[in-house]
Amino acid sequence: MPPPLTAPVNAVRPSAAEEARTIAASTNTGTLASLTADGDPWASFVTFGLLGGAPVLCVSNLAEHGRNLSGDQRASIAIVAPGTQDDPLASGRITLAGHVEAPVGDERVAAREAHLAAVDAAKYYIDYSDFSLWVLRVARVRWVGGYGRMDSTSGQAYAEAQPDPVTPFSAGAVAHLNADHAEALAAMARTLGGYPDTTAAVCTGADRYGLDLRLTTDRGLAYTRVGYAAPIDSIDQLRSAAVELTRRAREG
C-alpha cells in the first residue's frame, strides 16, 4: 500500500474490544473449542446469546462438548462476522477465550432470557434436564479484521466496550455512497485521507467514528480512513456525518 502523502484527518477507529463486541453481537453462531477427558481439543458448532458480551451457551449433556465442559471448564469460541467479502479470510472474526460457569440465581434467569432472545428454537429444549446453561467468562480476546488488521485485548476491556451502533446497519448506506457519491468519496480521500493523488475511491465500511476507503491512486491501490467531526450514535446520523465530510473535503 503506498504511504499517504499527508496525514489522514481524524482517523480514529473502533478499538479491538469494540470491534470484538460488534462481531459477537452480529450473529448467534460460533465454533466452541473444549477439551476432552484426554486433553484433546474438540471443536463444535454452537449457538449462543450474549449477557453483557459474555456468550451464553445451552448445550446437551449428552453431546461431546457438553461432557467436555462438565469435566474441564476451559473453553474458547470463534465467531465470524456475517460475510460481506468474496474472500472468507478478508472478513472479521474473533476468538473469545476463558472458562465457562453455570449461572445461578438471578444470573441464570438473565442468561436463559439472553439465550432465548438470540436463539428462538431453544425454547423447545432449554428447560430439559439434559441441557445445561453455561456462561463463558471471557479472559482474552483476539480480533482479526481481515488482512493486516488484528489485535488482542483483555476480557475486562471487552466487557466494558459496547457494540458499534452503526456497522451492523451500514450495508445499505455504504452501497448508496458508492453508487451515488463516488466523487465525494474520492474528494474525501484526497483532502482528508492523505492521498491527494486519488483518482477513485470505494467505501468498504462505516462505523460510529468514520468511513474506510479503498483507493485507486496514481501510485496504485491504497487504503485510508476518514473520520467524522464527532462520533455518531446511530445509523440515522450517518447521512449528516457523510454530508459534513463532503463539505470539509470540498473546502479543502
Protein backbone atom coordinates (compact mmCIF):
# COMPACT_ATOMS: atom_id res chain seq x y z
CA MET A 1 0.00 0.00 0.00
CA PRO A 2 1.53 3.37 -0.96
CA PRO A 3 2.25 5.59 2.04
CA PRO A 4 -0.04 8.61 2.34
CA LEU A 5 1.42 11.89 1.16
CA THR A 6 -0.30 13.74 4.03
CA ALA A 7 -1.60 12.57 7.40
CA PRO A 8 -5.28 11.44 7.44
CA VAL A 9 -7.65 13.73 9.34
CA ASN A 10 -9.24 12.31 12.49
CA ALA A 11 -8.60 8.68 11.52
CA VAL A 12 -9.91 7.27 14.83
CA ARG A 13 -11.28 3.75 14.50
CA PRO A 14 -13.00 1.35 16.93
CA SER A 15 -10.77 -0.37 19.46
CA ALA A 16 -10.18 -4.13 19.30
CA ALA A 17 -12.63 -4.50 22.19
CA GLU A 18 -15.31 -2.53 20.34
CA GLU A 19 -14.68 -4.49 17.14
CA ALA A 20 -14.98 -7.75 19.06
CA ARG A 21 -18.22 -6.73 20.77
CA THR A 22 -19.66 -5.70 17.41
CA ILE A 23 -18.82 -9.05 15.81
CA ALA A 24 -20.17 -11.00 18.79
CA ALA A 25 -23.44 -9.08 18.55
CA SER A 26 -23.72 -9.62 14.79
CA THR A 27 -24.57 -13.33 14.89
CA ASN A 28 -25.72 -16.16 17.17
CA THR A 29 -23.44 -18.98 15.98
CA GLY A 30 -19.82 -19.89 16.54
CA THR A 31 -17.33 -22.71 16.92
CA LEU A 32 -16.75 -23.81 20.50
CA ALA A 33 -13.38 -25.27 21.45
CA SER A 34 -13.43 -27.53 24.50
CA LEU A 35 -11.12 -30.18 25.91
CA THR A 36 -11.87 -33.91 26.05
CA ALA A 37 -11.12 -36.04 29.08
CA ASP A 38 -7.84 -37.00 27.37
CA GLY A 39 -6.94 -33.33 26.92
CA ASP A 40 -7.53 -33.27 23.19
CA PRO A 41 -9.05 -30.17 21.53
CA TRP A 42 -12.63 -30.61 20.34
CA ALA A 43 -14.42 -28.14 18.04
CA SER A 44 -18.23 -27.95 17.92
CA PHE A 45 -20.73 -25.75 16.12
CA VAL A 46 -22.89 -23.96 18.73
CA THR A 47 -25.47 -21.23 19.11
CA PHE A 48 -25.19 -18.52 21.75
CA GLY A 49 -26.80 -15.47 23.26
CA LEU A 50 -24.99 -12.59 24.93
CA LEU A 51 -25.12 -11.48 28.54
CA GLY A 52 -23.19 -8.23 28.77
CA GLY A 53 -20.98 -9.51 25.97
CA ALA A 54 -20.42 -12.91 27.57
CA PRO A 55 -21.59 -15.80 25.35
CA VAL A 56 -24.38 -17.89 26.88
CA LEU A 57 -24.43 -21.49 25.68
CA CYS A 58 -27.20 -24.06 26.03
CA VAL A 59 -25.71 -27.47 25.38
CA SER A 60 -26.84 -31.06 25.71
CA ASN A 61 -25.14 -33.00 28.47
CA LEU A 62 -25.11 -35.96 26.08
CA ALA A 63 -23.11 -34.07 23.44
CA GLU A 64 -19.33 -34.40 23.32
CA HIS A 65 -18.80 -30.72 24.06
CA GLY A 66 -21.38 -30.86 26.88
CA ARG A 67 -19.42 -33.61 28.58
CA ASN A 68 -16.18 -31.76 27.92
CA LEU A 69 -17.38 -28.58 29.63
CA SER A 70 -18.55 -30.53 32.66
CA GLY A 71 -15.08 -32.03 33.05
CA ASP A 72 -12.87 -29.07 32.14
CA GLN A 73 -14.28 -25.55 32.14
CA ARG A 74 -11.57 -24.05 29.93
CA ALA A 75 -13.05 -23.06 26.59
CA SER A 76 -13.00 -20.61 23.72
CA ILE A 77 -15.39 -19.68 20.97
CA ALA A 78 -14.56 -18.48 17.46
CA ILE A 79 -17.15 -16.16 15.91
CA VAL A 80 -17.16 -14.99 12.29
CA ALA A 81 -18.92 -11.80 11.23
CA PRO A 82 -21.62 -12.26 8.57
CA GLY A 83 -19.84 -12.48 5.24
CA THR A 84 -19.58 -9.38 3.06
CA GLN A 85 -16.38 -10.34 1.22
CA ASP A 86 -15.71 -12.80 -1.60
CA ASP A 87 -12.63 -13.97 0.30
CA PRO A 88 -13.61 -15.51 3.68
CA LEU A 89 -10.23 -14.54 5.16
CA ALA A 90 -11.00 -10.88 4.44
CA SER A 91 -13.98 -11.00 6.84
CA GLY A 92 -13.84 -10.04 10.50
CA ARG A 93 -13.66 -12.72 13.19
CA ILE A 94 -12.86 -13.08 16.87
CA THR A 95 -11.81 -15.67 19.41
CA LEU A 96 -13.08 -15.27 22.96
CA ALA A 97 -11.17 -17.41 25.45
CA GLY A 98 -11.70 -18.11 29.15
CA HIS A 99 -13.70 -20.58 31.19
CA VAL A 100 -17.37 -21.44 31.49
CA GLU A 101 -19.51 -21.30 34.60
CA ALA A 102 -23.04 -22.48 35.23
CA PRO A 103 -25.03 -19.34 36.12
CA VAL A 104 -27.13 -19.41 39.28
CA GLY A 105 -29.89 -17.32 40.82
CA ASP A 106 -30.76 -14.08 39.07
CA GLU A 107 -27.90 -14.52 36.62
CA ARG A 108 -29.34 -17.84 35.47
CA VAL A 109 -32.68 -16.15 34.77
CA ALA A 110 -30.91 -13.41 32.80
CA ALA A 111 -28.71 -15.91 30.96
CA ARG A 112 -31.73 -18.01 29.98
CA GLU A 113 -33.51 -14.94 28.61
CA ALA A 114 -30.37 -13.81 26.76
CA HIS A 115 -30.04 -17.17 25.04
CA LEU A 116 -33.72 -17.32 24.13
CA ALA A 117 -33.61 -13.79 22.75
CA ALA A 118 -30.85 -14.83 20.35
CA VAL A 119 -31.91 -18.43 19.62
CA ASP A 120 -35.67 -18.74 19.32
CA ALA A 121 -35.56 -22.50 18.68
CA ALA A 122 -34.01 -23.01 22.13
CA LYS A 123 -37.48 -22.59 23.66
CA TYR A 124 -38.13 -26.22 22.70
CA TYR A 125 -35.28 -27.66 24.77
CA ILE A 126 -33.73 -25.06 27.09
CA ASP A 127 -35.63 -26.31 30.16
CA TYR A 128 -34.97 -30.01 29.58
CA SER A 129 -33.00 -31.63 32.39
CA ASP A 130 -30.38 -32.96 29.99
CA PHE A 131 -29.44 -29.45 28.77
CA SER A 132 -27.18 -27.06 30.66
CA LEU A 133 -26.62 -23.31 30.52
CA TRP A 134 -23.04 -22.08 30.54
CA VAL A 135 -21.69 -18.53 30.55
CA LEU A 136 -18.24 -18.03 29.05
CA ARG A 137 -16.20 -15.75 31.34
CA VAL A 138 -14.02 -14.05 28.77
CA ALA A 139 -10.40 -13.54 29.83
CA ARG A 140 -8.70 -12.97 26.50
CA VAL A 141 -9.84 -11.69 23.11
CA ARG A 142 -8.27 -11.88 19.67
CA TRP A 143 -9.79 -9.79 16.88
CA VAL A 144 -8.96 -10.09 13.19
CA GLY A 145 -10.48 -7.54 10.84
CA GLY A 146 -9.15 -9.11 7.64
CA TYR A 147 -5.73 -9.00 6.05
CA GLY A 148 -3.31 -6.86 8.04
CA ARG A 149 -5.81 -5.80 10.71
CA MET A 150 -5.66 -7.63 14.03
CA ASP A 151 -5.18 -7.01 17.72
CA SER A 152 -5.63 -8.60 21.15
CA THR A 153 -7.39 -7.23 24.19
CA SER A 154 -8.40 -8.26 27.68
CA GLY A 155 -11.64 -9.71 28.90
CA GLN A 156 -12.18 -6.63 31.04
CA ALA A 157 -11.80 -4.25 28.09
CA TYR A 158 -14.16 -6.44 26.08
CA ALA A 159 -16.76 -6.41 28.86
CA GLU A 160 -16.57 -2.62 29.20
CA ALA A 161 -16.84 -1.94 25.44
CA GLN A 162 -20.08 -1.55 23.51
CA PRO A 163 -21.02 -2.91 20.08
CA ASP A 164 -20.78 -0.34 17.32
CA PRO A 165 -24.27 1.12 16.71
CA VAL A 166 -23.62 1.86 13.02
CA THR A 167 -21.71 -1.05 11.46
CA PRO A 168 -24.47 -3.70 11.68
CA PHE A 169 -26.89 -1.45 9.76
CA SER A 170 -24.47 0.19 7.33
CA ALA A 171 -24.59 -2.05 4.24
CA GLY A 172 -27.33 -0.04 2.51
CA ALA A 173 -25.71 3.29 3.31
CA VAL A 174 -22.32 2.08 2.07
CA ALA A 175 -23.88 0.86 -1.17
CA HIS A 176 -25.60 4.24 -1.60
CA LEU A 177 -22.36 6.15 -1.05
CA ASN A 178 -20.59 4.03 -3.66
CA ALA A 179 -23.41 4.23 -6.21
CA ASP A 180 -24.30 7.92 -5.92
CA HIS A 181 -21.40 9.72 -4.26
CA ALA A 182 -18.23 8.27 -5.78
CA GLU A 183 -16.71 11.67 -6.48
CA ALA A 184 -17.39 12.84 -2.93
CA LEU A 185 -15.58 9.75 -1.61
CA ALA A 186 -12.62 10.50 -3.87
CA ALA A 187 -12.57 14.10 -2.62
CA MET A 188 -12.56 12.83 0.97
CA ALA A 189 -9.59 10.57 0.19
CA ARG A 190 -7.68 13.39 -1.50
CA THR A 191 -8.30 16.08 1.12
CA LEU A 192 -8.94 14.20 4.37
CA GLY A 193 -7.49 10.73 3.78
CA GLY A 194 -3.93 11.64 2.99
CA TYR A 195 -3.91 10.61 -0.68
CA PRO A 196 -4.08 13.72 -2.90
CA ASP A 197 -3.30 11.55 -5.96
CA THR A 198 -6.57 9.56 -5.56
CA THR A 199 -8.42 9.01 -8.83
CA ALA A 200 -11.26 6.85 -7.42
CA ALA A 201 -12.49 5.68 -4.02
CA VAL A 202 -14.83 2.97 -2.78
CA CYS A 203 -16.26 2.89 0.73
CA THR A 204 -15.66 -0.52 2.29
CA GLY A 205 -17.19 0.11 5.70
CA ALA A 206 -18.73 2.58 8.10
CA ASP A 207 -18.78 2.74 11.89
CA ARG A 208 -19.50 5.30 14.58
CA TYR A 209 -16.16 7.06 14.05
CA GLY A 210 -15.71 7.21 10.28
CA LEU A 211 -15.50 5.59 6.84
CA ASP A 212 -12.98 3.08 5.48
CA LEU A 213 -11.99 3.69 1.86
CA ARG A 214 -10.25 1.62 -0.82
CA LEU A 215 -8.46 3.89 -3.28
CA THR A 216 -7.12 3.92 -6.78
CA THR A 217 -4.19 6.34 -6.89
CA ASP A 218 -1.53 7.35 -9.41
CA ARG A 219 0.82 5.09 -7.40
CA GLY A 220 -1.52 2.09 -7.23
CA LEU A 221 -4.07 0.59 -4.82
CA ALA A 222 -4.26 2.06 -1.30
CA TYR A 223 -6.48 2.14 1.76
CA THR A 224 -7.31 5.00 4.10
CA ARG A 225 -9.83 6.21 6.61
CA VAL A 226 -11.67 9.47 7.13
CA GLY A 227 -13.24 10.39 10.46
CA TYR A 228 -16.40 12.32 11.23
CA ALA A 229 -16.20 15.59 13.12
CA ALA A 230 -17.59 13.70 16.13
CA PRO A 231 -18.68 10.10 16.80
CA ILE A 232 -22.27 9.23 15.86
CA ASP A 233 -24.67 7.09 17.87
CA SER A 234 -26.96 5.58 15.24
CA ILE A 235 -27.26 4.77 11.56
CA ASP A 236 -29.75 7.65 11.25
CA GLN A 237 -26.89 10.09 11.84
CA LEU A 238 -24.66 8.66 9.11
CA ARG A 239 -26.12 10.75 6.29
CA SER A 240 -25.46 14.06 8.04
CA ALA A 241 -21.97 12.91 9.03
CA ALA A 242 -21.20 11.99 5.41
CA VAL A 243 -22.55 15.33 4.20
CA GLU A 244 -20.28 17.12 6.67
CA LEU A 245 -17.28 15.06 5.47
CA THR A 246 -18.09 16.02 1.89
CA ARG A 247 -18.24 19.71 2.85
CA ARG A 248 -14.88 19.55 4.61
CA ALA A 249 -13.32 17.67 1.71
CA ARG A 250 -14.51 20.17 -0.90
CA GLU A 251 -13.46 23.15 1.18
CA GLY A 252 -10.04 21.53 1.41
